[in-house]
Protein backbone atom coordinates (compact mmCIF):
# COMPACT_ATOMS: atom_id res chain seq x y z
CA MET A 1 25.76 -15.78 49.25
CA ASP A 2 28.88 -13.62 49.20
CA LEU A 3 28.24 -10.32 47.39
CA THR A 4 31.40 -10.75 45.32
CA VAL A 5 30.05 -14.01 43.94
CA VAL A 6 26.68 -12.38 43.31
CA LEU A 7 28.41 -9.52 41.46
CA LEU A 8 30.32 -11.98 39.28
CA VAL A 9 27.08 -13.77 38.50
CA GLY A 10 25.52 -10.40 37.68
CA ILE A 11 28.34 -9.46 35.32
CA VAL A 12 28.04 -12.82 33.58
CA ALA A 13 24.29 -12.22 33.26
CA SER A 14 24.93 -8.74 31.83
CA ILE A 15 27.37 -10.16 29.29
CA PHE A 16 24.78 -12.77 28.35
CA VAL A 17 22.16 -10.06 27.85
CA GLY A 18 24.56 -7.86 25.87
CA PHE A 19 25.64 -10.82 23.77
CA ASN A 20 22.04 -11.47 22.74
CA ILE A 21 21.38 -7.77 22.20
CA GLY A 22 24.32 -7.73 19.80
CA GLY A 23 22.80 -10.64 17.92
CA SER A 24 19.51 -8.80 17.54
CA SER A 25 20.46 -5.14 17.02
CA THR A 26 23.37 -5.79 14.65
CA GLY A 27 20.93 -7.45 12.27
CA ILE A 28 18.64 -4.43 12.38
CA ALA A 29 21.43 -1.91 11.84
CA TRP A 30 23.40 -3.74 9.15
CA GLY A 31 21.04 -6.32 7.63
CA PRO A 32 20.13 -4.21 4.58
CA ALA A 33 23.77 -3.27 3.86
CA VAL A 34 24.96 -6.87 4.27
CA GLY A 35 22.07 -8.12 2.14
CA ALA A 36 23.05 -5.69 -0.61
CA GLY A 37 26.65 -6.92 -0.50
CA ILE A 38 28.06 -3.51 0.48
CA VAL A 39 29.76 -4.66 3.68
CA SER A 40 30.80 -8.04 5.00
CA LYS A 41 29.35 -9.45 8.20
CA THR A 42 32.70 -9.06 9.91
CA LEU A 43 33.07 -5.38 8.97
CA ALA A 44 29.46 -4.79 9.99
CA ALA A 45 30.16 -6.29 13.43
CA PHE A 46 33.27 -4.12 13.88
CA LEU A 47 31.47 -0.91 12.94
CA MET A 48 28.54 -1.94 15.12
CA THR A 49 30.75 -2.35 18.18
CA PHE A 50 32.45 1.03 17.79
CA PHE A 51 29.30 3.06 17.23
CA VAL A 52 27.34 1.18 19.89
CA PHE A 53 29.98 2.37 22.34
CA LEU A 54 29.56 5.98 21.18
CA GLY A 55 25.78 5.78 21.47
CA GLY A 56 25.87 4.18 24.91
CA TRP A 57 28.52 6.56 26.23
CA THR A 58 26.58 9.67 25.19
CA VAL A 59 22.80 9.46 24.68
CA GLY A 60 22.48 6.08 26.40
CA ARG A 61 23.15 7.61 29.79
CA ASN A 62 19.69 9.19 29.75
CA VAL A 63 18.03 5.82 29.19
CA MET A 64 20.26 4.36 31.91
CA ASP A 65 18.85 6.89 34.38
CA THR A 66 15.29 5.86 33.53
CA LEU A 67 15.89 2.12 33.76
CA ALA A 68 18.12 2.28 36.82
CA GLY A 69 16.23 4.80 38.91
CA ASP A 70 12.80 5.85 37.61
CA ILE A 71 10.76 2.68 36.92
CA ILE A 72 11.09 1.43 40.49
CA ALA A 73 10.78 3.92 43.33
CA ILE A 74 13.81 2.61 45.25
CA PRO A 75 17.28 1.33 44.26
CA ILE A 76 17.21 -2.44 43.84
CA THR A 77 19.65 -4.84 45.44
CA LEU A 78 22.31 -6.71 43.57
CA GLU A 79 20.43 -9.99 44.01
CA ALA A 80 17.25 -8.53 42.55
CA GLY A 81 19.19 -6.98 39.68
CA VAL A 82 20.69 -10.33 38.77
CA GLY A 83 17.20 -11.85 38.75
CA VAL A 84 15.95 -9.12 36.40
CA LEU A 85 18.90 -9.66 34.06
CA PHE A 86 18.11 -13.37 33.89
CA PHE A 87 14.63 -12.73 32.50
CA ILE A 88 15.90 -10.09 30.07
CA GLY A 89 18.57 -12.41 28.70
CA THR A 90 16.27 -15.41 28.45
CA GLY A 91 13.66 -13.51 26.44
CA ILE A 92 16.23 -12.10 24.01
CA PHE A 93 17.95 -15.47 23.62
CA ILE A 94 14.70 -17.22 22.68
CA ALA A 95 14.00 -14.57 20.03
CA ASN A 96 17.50 -14.93 18.60
CA VAL A 97 17.04 -18.70 18.33
CA PHE A 98 14.14 -17.97 15.95
CA SER A 99 16.18 -15.23 14.19
CA VAL A 100 13.70 -12.51 15.17
CA PRO A 101 15.17 -9.19 16.41
CA VAL A 102 13.43 -8.79 19.77
CA PRO A 103 12.27 -5.42 21.18
CA THR A 104 15.04 -5.38 23.76
CA SER A 105 14.05 -2.19 25.57
CA MET A 106 10.48 -3.40 25.96
CA THR A 107 11.65 -6.74 27.38
CA THR A 108 13.91 -4.91 29.83
CA VAL A 109 11.16 -2.58 31.00
CA GLY A 110 8.82 -5.56 31.41
CA SER A 111 11.33 -7.41 33.61
CA ILE A 112 11.98 -4.38 35.82
CA ALA A 113 8.26 -3.61 36.04
CA GLY A 114 7.59 -7.19 37.14
CA LEU A 115 9.94 -6.66 40.07
CA GLY A 116 8.22 -3.38 40.88
CA LEU A 117 4.77 -4.96 40.85
CA ALA A 118 5.87 -7.86 43.02
CA THR A 119 7.39 -5.56 45.61
CA GLY A 120 4.90 -2.69 45.46
CA THR A 121 7.56 -0.22 44.30
CA LEU A 122 6.53 0.32 40.67
CA ASN A 123 6.41 3.96 39.58
CA PHE A 124 3.17 4.00 37.57
CA ASP A 125 3.72 7.53 36.29
CA THR A 126 7.02 6.55 34.68
CA ILE A 127 5.76 3.25 33.28
CA GLY A 128 2.66 4.99 31.91
CA ARG A 129 4.80 7.57 30.11
CA ILE A 130 6.99 4.86 28.62
CA MET A 131 4.03 2.77 27.44
CA ALA A 132 2.40 5.85 25.90
CA TRP A 133 5.48 6.29 23.71
CA TRP A 134 5.34 2.60 22.82
CA ILE A 135 1.89 3.27 21.38
CA VAL A 136 2.76 6.55 19.68
CA THR A 137 6.08 5.45 18.15
CA PRO A 138 4.61 2.94 15.63
CA VAL A 139 2.14 5.63 14.53
CA ILE A 140 4.92 8.17 14.05
CA GLY A 141 7.04 5.67 12.12
CA PHE A 142 4.11 4.65 9.92
CA TRP A 143 3.11 8.20 8.99
CA ILE A 144 6.64 9.39 8.34
CA GLY A 145 7.10 6.38 6.06
CA ALA A 146 3.73 7.03 4.41
CA ILE A 147 4.57 10.68 3.69
CA LEU A 148 7.97 9.72 2.29
CA GLY A 149 6.45 6.99 0.13
CA ARG A 150 3.58 9.09 -1.16
CA TYR A 151 5.21 12.46 -1.74
CA PHE A 152 9.01 12.05 -1.90
CA TYR A 153 10.15 8.52 -2.72
CA PRO A 154 9.25 8.43 -6.45
CA ALA A 155 11.21 11.61 -7.20
CA LEU A 156 14.12 10.49 -5.03
CA ASN A 157 14.17 7.12 -6.78
CA ASP A 158 14.25 8.79 -10.20
CA ARG A 159 17.21 10.98 -9.24
CA PHE A 160 19.17 9.00 -6.67
CA GLU A 161 18.55 5.31 -7.28
CA ILE A 162 21.37 3.32 -5.68
CA VAL A 163 22.55 0.28 -7.60
CA SER A 164 25.47 -2.10 -7.16
CA SER A 165 27.56 -2.87 -10.22
CA ASP A 166 29.62 -5.99 -10.86
CA GLY A 167 33.22 -6.02 -9.73
CA ALA A 168 35.11 -4.13 -7.05
CA LEU A 169 33.84 -0.75 -5.92
CA ILE A 170 37.37 0.68 -5.62
CA THR A 171 40.65 -0.67 -6.97
CA VAL A 172 44.27 0.40 -6.53
CA ASP A 173 46.08 2.02 -9.45
CA LYS A 174 49.72 0.95 -9.28
CA SER A 175 50.83 2.60 -12.54
CA GLY A 176 52.18 5.70 -10.82
CA THR A 177 54.99 6.17 -8.36
CA ILE A 178 52.55 6.03 -5.45
CA PRO A 179 49.63 3.55 -5.65
CA SER A 180 46.31 5.38 -5.44
CA PRO A 181 42.68 4.27 -5.08
CA VAL A 182 40.47 4.61 -8.16
CA LEU A 183 36.91 3.66 -9.02
CA GLY A 184 36.32 0.07 -10.05
CA PRO A 185 35.82 -0.77 -13.74
CA ASN A 186 32.01 -0.59 -13.48
CA THR A 187 31.68 1.85 -10.59
CA THR A 188 29.87 5.13 -11.17
CA GLN A 189 30.11 8.26 -9.06
CA GLN A 190 26.49 7.73 -8.07
CA GLU A 191 27.25 4.22 -6.85
CA LEU A 192 30.24 5.42 -4.84
CA VAL A 193 28.23 8.18 -3.16
CA GLY A 194 25.40 5.76 -2.49
CA THR A 195 27.74 3.23 -0.90
CA ILE A 196 29.28 5.87 1.36
CA LEU A 197 25.77 6.95 2.31
CA VAL A 198 24.85 3.38 3.20
CA LEU A 199 27.88 3.12 5.48
CA ILE A 200 27.10 6.45 7.19
CA ILE A 201 23.50 5.50 7.83
CA GLY A 202 24.50 2.05 9.08
CA CYS A 203 26.84 3.71 11.57
CA TYR A 204 24.02 6.06 12.58
CA MET A 205 21.79 3.05 13.17
CA ALA A 206 24.50 1.44 15.31
CA PHE A 207 24.83 4.65 17.33
CA SER A 208 21.07 4.68 17.87
CA ALA A 209 21.12 1.01 18.88
CA GLY A 210 23.82 1.75 21.42
CA ALA A 211 21.86 4.64 22.87
CA SER A 212 18.78 2.48 23.40
CA ASN A 213 20.31 -0.95 24.10
CA VAL A 214 23.51 -0.51 26.11
CA PRO A 215 21.51 0.42 29.25
CA ASN A 216 19.37 -2.71 28.86
CA ALA A 217 22.33 -4.95 29.56
CA VAL A 218 23.60 -3.26 32.70
CA ALA A 219 20.98 -0.93 34.20
CA PRO A 220 19.94 -3.38 36.99
CA LEU A 221 23.55 -3.58 38.20
CA VAL A 222 23.98 0.20 38.00
CA SER A 223 20.78 0.66 39.99
CA SER A 224 22.12 -1.56 42.77
CA GLY A 225 25.34 0.44 42.91
CA ALA A 226 27.41 -2.66 42.10
CA LEU A 227 28.78 -1.13 38.90
CA GLU A 228 29.79 2.42 38.08
CA VAL A 229 28.14 3.79 34.91
CA ASN A 230 31.28 4.06 32.78
CA THR A 231 32.42 0.54 33.67
CA ALA A 232 28.95 -0.79 32.95
CA ILE A 233 28.90 0.84 29.50
CA LEU A 234 32.25 -0.76 28.62
CA ILE A 235 31.07 -4.21 29.73
CA ALA A 236 27.85 -3.87 27.72
CA THR A 237 29.73 -2.69 24.62
CA VAL A 238 32.12 -5.64 24.68
CA ALA A 239 29.23 -8.08 25.14
CA ILE A 240 27.21 -6.53 22.31
CA GLY A 241 30.27 -6.64 20.09
CA ILE A 242 30.76 -10.35 20.76
CA GLY A 243 27.14 -10.95 19.82
CA GLY A 244 27.62 -8.94 16.64
CA PHE A 245 30.58 -11.09 15.57
CA THR A 246 28.79 -14.38 16.29
CA ILE A 247 25.03 -14.95 16.45
CA ALA A 248 24.22 -11.72 14.58
CA ARG A 249 25.24 -13.42 11.34
CA ARG A 250 21.90 -15.27 11.25
CA THR A 251 19.90 -12.19 12.21
CA MET A 252 21.56 -10.08 9.52
CA GLU A 253 20.44 -12.64 6.94
CA SER A 254 16.92 -12.61 8.41
CA VAL A 255 16.58 -8.82 8.27
CA GLY A 256 18.31 -8.55 4.89
CA THR A 257 16.12 -11.11 3.15
CA GLU A 258 12.99 -12.00 5.13
CA LEU A 259 11.59 -8.69 6.32
CA THR A 260 12.42 -6.49 3.37
CA ASP A 261 12.87 -7.00 -0.32
CA ILE A 262 13.20 -3.36 -1.25
CA PRO A 263 15.70 -1.21 -3.12
CA LEU A 264 18.60 0.17 -1.17
CA LEU A 265 17.30 3.74 -1.35
CA ALA A 266 14.08 2.70 0.37
CA ALA A 267 16.08 0.82 3.01
CA LEU A 268 18.14 3.94 3.68
CA LEU A 269 15.05 6.06 4.17
CA VAL A 270 13.68 3.48 6.60
CA MET A 271 16.95 3.20 8.53
CA THR A 272 17.38 6.96 8.82
CA THR A 273 13.82 7.45 10.04
CA ALA A 274 13.99 4.63 12.58
CA ALA A 275 17.38 5.70 13.91
CA THR A 276 16.25 9.31 14.31
CA ILE A 277 13.08 8.35 16.18
CA THR A 278 15.04 6.04 18.48
CA THR A 279 17.84 8.53 19.13
CA VAL A 280 15.45 11.38 19.94
CA LEU A 281 13.42 9.27 22.36
CA SER A 282 16.57 7.84 23.94
CA TYR A 283 17.81 11.39 24.48
CA ALA A 284 14.52 12.03 26.29
CA GLY A 285 15.20 8.98 28.48
CA ILE A 286 12.50 6.78 26.91
CA PRO A 287 13.46 3.08 26.50
CA ILE A 288 12.28 2.40 22.95
CA SER A 289 12.64 -0.37 20.42
CA LEU A 290 14.60 0.29 17.24
CA VAL A 291 12.79 -2.70 15.71
CA MET A 292 9.42 -1.06 16.32
CA ALA A 293 10.31 2.17 14.53
CA MET A 294 11.94 0.35 11.62
CA VAL A 295 9.14 -2.11 10.91
CA MET A 296 6.36 0.46 10.99
CA THR A 297 8.32 2.85 8.76
CA ILE A 298 8.65 0.03 6.21
CA VAL A 299 4.91 -0.57 6.32
CA GLY A 300 4.16 3.15 6.04
CA LEU A 301 6.55 3.62 3.13
CA GLY A 302 4.83 0.88 1.14
CA TRP A 303 1.35 2.11 2.03
CA GLY A 304 2.20 5.66 1.00
CA ARG A 305 3.68 4.54 -2.31
CA ALA A 306 0.78 2.23 -3.10
CA THR A 307 -1.84 4.91 -2.43
CA ARG A 308 -0.34 7.48 -4.80
CA PRO A 309 -3.04 6.92 -7.46
CA ILE A 310 -5.67 7.89 -4.87
CA SER A 311 -6.24 11.39 -3.55
CA ALA A 312 -5.15 11.99 0.03
CA ARG A 313 -8.69 12.99 1.04
CA ASP A 314 -10.14 9.69 -0.21
CA VAL A 315 -7.37 7.68 1.47
CA VAL A 316 -7.98 9.29 4.86
CA SER A 317 -11.77 9.15 4.60
CA GLY A 318 -11.82 5.61 3.20
CA LYS A 319 -13.95 6.72 0.22
CA THR A 320 -12.26 4.56 -2.37
CA ASP A 321 -12.71 1.12 -3.83
CA ALA A 322 -9.15 0.99 -5.12
CA GLU A 323 -7.14 -2.00 -3.99
CA ILE A 324 -4.04 -1.10 -2.03
CA GLN A 325 -1.05 -3.09 -3.26
CA THR A 326 2.18 -3.67 -1.34
CA GLY A 327 4.55 -3.97 -4.29
CA ALA A 328 5.15 -0.26 -4.58
CA LEU A 329 8.88 0.11 -4.21
CA THR A 330 10.26 -2.56 -6.50
CA ALA A 331 9.00 -0.98 -9.69
CA ASP A 332 11.03 -0.61 -12.84
CA PRO A 333 13.18 2.50 -12.29
CA ASP A 334 12.89 3.36 -15.99
CA VAL A 335 9.18 4.03 -15.56
CA PRO A 336 8.80 7.70 -14.58
CA ALA A 337 6.93 8.43 -11.37
CA PRO A 338 3.48 9.88 -12.12
CA ALA A 339 2.09 12.85 -10.29
CA ILE A 340 -0.03 12.21 -7.23
CA GLY A 341 -3.57 11.37 -8.25
CA ASP A 342 -2.57 10.34 -11.77
CA PRO A 343 -2.96 6.71 -12.82
CA GLU A 344 0.19 4.69 -12.23
CA PRO A 345 1.42 2.00 -14.62
CA GLN A 346 -0.02 -1.34 -13.56
CA GLN A 347 3.44 -2.86 -13.18
CA VAL A 348 4.37 -0.27 -10.55
CA LEU A 349 1.74 -1.69 -8.20
CA GLU A 350 2.35 -5.35 -8.82
CA VAL A 351 6.08 -5.98 -9.21
CA GLY A 352 7.47 -7.67 -6.10
CA ASP A 353 6.51 -7.12 -2.49
CA LEU A 354 7.62 -4.32 -0.24
CA PHE A 355 7.39 -6.45 2.85
CA ASN A 356 6.53 -9.96 3.89
CA PRO A 357 3.20 -9.79 5.79
CA ARG A 358 4.01 -12.93 7.77
CA ALA A 359 7.34 -11.49 8.85
CA ILE A 360 5.67 -8.21 9.83
CA ALA A 361 3.08 -10.13 11.89
CA LYS A 362 5.86 -12.07 13.60
CA TYR A 363 7.71 -8.90 14.51
CA ILE A 364 4.60 -7.13 15.81
CA SER A 365 3.64 -10.16 17.90
CA MET A 366 7.05 -9.96 19.59
CA TRP A 367 6.28 -6.40 20.70
CA ILE A 368 3.32 -7.78 22.63
CA ILE A 369 4.68 -11.16 23.70
CA GLY A 370 8.17 -10.00 24.72
CA PRO A 371 7.38 -7.47 27.45
CA THR A 372 4.27 -9.35 28.58
CA VAL A 373 6.13 -12.61 29.16
CA SER A 374 9.10 -10.90 30.80
CA LEU A 375 6.77 -8.97 33.14
CA ALA A 376 4.78 -12.09 34.06
CA LEU A 377 7.85 -14.25 34.69
CA SER A 378 9.62 -11.54 36.66
CA TYR A 379 6.53 -10.84 38.74
CA GLY A 380 5.95 -14.53 39.48
CA PHE A 381 9.59 -15.12 40.39
CA PHE A 382 9.86 -12.20 42.82
CA VAL A 383 6.54 -13.09 44.44
CA ILE A 384 7.63 -16.68 45.05
CA VAL A 385 11.34 -16.20 45.76
CA PRO A 386 12.19 -14.02 48.77
CA VAL A 387 14.87 -11.85 47.18
CA PRO A 388 15.82 -8.72 49.21
CA ILE A 389 15.04 -5.51 47.32
CA THR A 390 16.60 -2.89 49.61
């Protein structure tokens, strides 16, 4: 087949992958803000596209180097790169059909590793380092969330609870010579600051998503030399943006309502933690899942809040008969937060649920199923089909 045709097929495959990445990662970055009614889905998609580009253009280059040159010992051909993209896109598309944000980076690594296994070119040192971080990252996210929930969240909630009032956040005062923006009729300064904070953190999440996900859409083509890095980043950004404006609408609803039913302050803590973990590891060149960090931080935050009536020594040692509840973050804000170790009001531990256990199980299963299936399919395909690799 003519290489020009193969390149066109590869670009279409990259756009397909980026499109599905946009559907998944936009929900993760903006689901809580959309669910809270702070931004519309259209504005969320626009902001997502812009900050994904910034993340991919800067930090994402380090992840690109890992995916394009370190997992497999030799540069792959254009034909092999197109095959890898097919399995990446198929796995992400299936997850989006079920409205589950898929661990994109893990699926990508699995597809590339399948090619490496089939051709005997897999760099086991690199893949071992990546998988070690896949194991450590959920632990880091959980314990950061647990520490925040146990020691900091109650005081933060007392002082900085973010609520949304009825009516417009900002209106335009036309009484003067020059119209000027003013606070809405029910808007408080605290609400305004909180809303701005939500927007900033959402943009930070989008930046982090770009750093980790832009390379997933185009790294196989960059590795083959068919696309220059800057061009590849632009193609991936456009594709992710299209996904954000279209299929991400379902995923934003899924993340905003199914996974979490927590106050906005808690969501902001989770988003900031997950974005920071993902950005730091992306800077180090580690392909990592933003979904993984976010989900485990949510679980840790609830666990830390629910264990406040128990001493830290008893929690760690397991020397307690107290029942750990998951409804820790939806408590009545008028009830003051007790000191650690003091009895908490019963309603604090029983009002609402921090997370949906079934949703959490579904997300965690995707971390295992996604890369495993992509590796198996990629390996089987490249063993059976004689695709040139050099």
